[in-house]
Amino acid sequence: MKSYRITHWPEPMPAGPALSIRKALGAMSVGWVTRGFLEREARLSRQAIDALLDTLDAQGALARCDEITGAAARVVGVCAAARILLGRVLRRLASAARKRPSRRTPLVEPADAQPTLPMPRGAPPGH
C-alpha cells in the first residue's frame, strides 16, 4: 500500500477545495498518509487526490513509501489527526491566555485612592 508525505510546504497552494487541500497537506506534513485517508479525512475525490499528488510531485515536495501496511497507515493517520487537534487546542489556550484582563479588576490602584496602612495589633479603633 502506497503512502505519501510532503517534504516541504508547496508554493503556490495546489488547486482544489482549499479547506480539504490544507487538511491533506497538514496531515501529510506530520506523517505518512494513504489515498484512503485523503478520501475519508480530507474528503477529497480520487481526481482531486491524483491532481494534488501530481502537483506535489512536480514541485519535488512529495515523498512516497511502499512498505507501510494498512494498520500502520491507520495509526499514522490517527496520530496526524490527533496532532492537528492538539495544535488547535494549544493555540486556543494560548490565545485565551493572551487576552486582556477584564476592566472590572484594575491592575493598579487609581491615583486618587488613599493609601491604606495596616493597623497595629491591639490598637483601639479610630487610631
Protein backbone atom coordinates (compact mmCIF):
# COMPACT_ATOMS: atom_id res chain seq x y z
CA MET A 1 0.00 0.00 0.00
CA LYS A 2 1.47 3.34 -1.01
CA SER A 3 1.74 6.17 1.46
CA TYR A 4 2.65 9.79 0.87
CA ARG A 5 4.21 12.61 2.81
CA ILE A 6 5.34 16.12 1.90
CA THR A 7 8.96 17.13 2.33
CA HIS A 8 8.26 20.86 2.28
CA TRP A 9 5.21 23.12 2.05
CA PRO A 10 4.32 23.72 -1.62
CA GLU A 11 4.21 27.19 -3.14
CA PRO A 12 1.77 28.14 -4.58
CA MET A 13 -1.00 26.09 -2.99
CA PRO A 14 -2.32 23.30 -5.23
CA ALA A 15 -5.68 23.91 -6.90
CA GLY A 16 -8.79 22.36 -5.38
CA PRO A 17 -11.09 22.86 -2.41
CA ALA A 18 -8.95 24.99 -0.10
CA LEU A 19 -10.03 23.50 3.24
CA SER A 20 -9.62 19.91 2.04
CA ILE A 21 -6.25 20.67 0.46
CA ARG A 22 -4.99 22.34 3.67
CA LYS A 23 -6.26 19.41 5.74
CA ALA A 24 -4.48 16.94 3.45
CA LEU A 25 -1.24 18.94 3.45
CA GLY A 26 -1.37 19.35 7.24
CA ALA A 27 -1.71 15.60 7.72
CA MET A 28 0.98 14.90 5.13
CA SER A 29 3.38 17.33 6.82
CA VAL A 30 3.36 15.37 10.11
CA GLY A 31 3.15 11.78 8.89
CA TRP A 32 2.56 9.28 6.13
CA VAL A 33 -0.97 9.15 4.72
CA THR A 34 -2.68 6.84 2.26
CA ARG A 35 -5.14 7.59 -0.52
CA GLY A 36 -7.87 6.14 1.69
CA PHE A 37 -7.02 8.64 4.43
CA LEU A 38 -7.15 11.52 1.95
CA GLU A 39 -10.56 10.34 0.74
CA ARG A 40 -12.02 9.81 4.22
CA GLU A 41 -10.47 12.53 6.33
CA ALA A 42 -9.70 15.30 3.86
CA ARG A 43 -12.82 14.44 1.82
CA LEU A 44 -11.01 14.65 -1.50
CA SER A 45 -12.25 12.89 -4.62
CA ARG A 46 -9.98 10.45 -6.45
CA GLN A 47 -9.43 13.00 -9.21
CA ALA A 48 -8.53 15.69 -6.65
CA ILE A 49 -6.08 13.29 -4.95
CA ASP A 50 -4.44 12.50 -8.30
CA ALA A 51 -4.16 16.21 -9.11
CA LEU A 52 -2.75 17.01 -5.65
CA LEU A 53 -0.15 14.24 -5.82
CA ASP A 54 0.85 15.21 -9.37
CA THR A 55 1.26 18.86 -8.33
CA LEU A 56 3.33 17.94 -5.26
CA ASP A 57 5.47 15.56 -7.32
CA ALA A 58 6.09 18.24 -9.96
CA GLN A 59 7.28 20.64 -7.24
CA GLY A 60 9.54 17.99 -5.67
CA ALA A 61 7.59 18.12 -2.43
CA LEU A 62 6.28 14.53 -2.42
CA ALA A 63 7.86 11.54 -0.69
CA ARG A 64 6.47 8.05 -1.38
CA CYS A 65 6.62 4.90 0.70
CA ASP A 66 5.52 1.42 -0.43
CA GLU A 67 6.38 -0.52 2.74
CA ILE A 68 3.81 0.89 5.15
CA THR A 69 0.97 -1.52 5.94
CA GLY A 70 -2.70 -0.68 6.22
CA ALA A 71 -2.74 -0.95 10.02
CA ALA A 72 0.32 1.27 10.35
CA ALA A 73 -1.21 3.79 7.95
CA ARG A 74 -4.36 3.97 10.08
CA VAL A 75 -2.28 4.55 13.22
CA VAL A 76 -0.24 7.22 11.45
CA GLY A 77 -3.44 8.84 10.19
CA VAL A 78 -4.94 8.87 13.67
CA CYS A 79 -1.72 10.29 15.12
CA ALA A 80 -1.66 13.00 12.47
CA ALA A 81 -5.26 13.95 13.20
CA ALA A 82 -4.56 13.96 16.94
CA ARG A 83 -1.52 16.21 16.44
CA ILE A 84 -3.59 18.62 14.37
CA LEU A 85 -6.33 18.68 17.01
CA LEU A 86 -3.81 19.12 19.84
CA GLY A 87 -2.20 22.01 17.97
CA ARG A 88 -5.56 23.72 17.61
CA VAL A 89 -6.36 23.26 21.30
CA LEU A 90 -2.97 24.62 22.36
CA ARG A 91 -3.32 27.65 20.07
CA ARG A 92 -6.75 28.42 21.55
CA LEU A 93 -5.44 28.13 25.09
CA ALA A 94 -2.51 30.40 24.29
CA SER A 95 -4.85 32.87 22.64
CA ALA A 96 -7.15 32.88 25.68
CA ALA A 97 -4.17 33.43 27.99
CA ARG A 98 -3.03 36.45 25.97
CA LYS A 99 -6.40 38.21 26.10
CA ARG A 100 -6.54 41.40 28.11
CA PRO A 101 -7.83 41.18 31.68
CA SER A 102 -11.33 42.37 32.48
CA ARG A 103 -11.83 46.10 33.12
CA ARG A 104 -13.67 45.24 36.33
CA THR A 105 -10.46 44.30 38.12
CA PRO A 106 -7.92 47.13 37.91
CA LEU A 107 -4.30 46.07 37.84
CA VAL A 108 -3.18 49.18 39.79
CA GLU A 109 -4.97 51.39 42.26
CA PRO A 110 -6.31 54.69 40.94
CA ALA A 111 -4.08 57.73 41.62
CA ASP A 112 -6.67 59.45 43.86
CA ALA A 113 -7.10 56.43 46.18
CA GLN A 114 -5.97 56.89 49.78
CA PRO A 115 -3.21 54.51 50.82
CA THR A 116 -4.30 52.08 53.49
CA LEU A 117 -1.88 51.24 56.25
CA PRO A 118 -2.17 48.09 58.29
CA MET A 119 -3.39 48.67 61.85
CA PRO A 120 -1.03 47.51 64.59
CA ARG A 121 -2.35 44.75 66.78
CA GLY A 122 -4.05 45.89 69.92
CA ALA A 123 -4.62 49.47 68.66
CA PRO A 124 -8.01 50.87 69.53
CA PRO A 125 -10.37 51.52 66.59
CA GLY A 126 -10.19 55.01 65.16
CA HIS A 127 -6.46 55.47 65.85
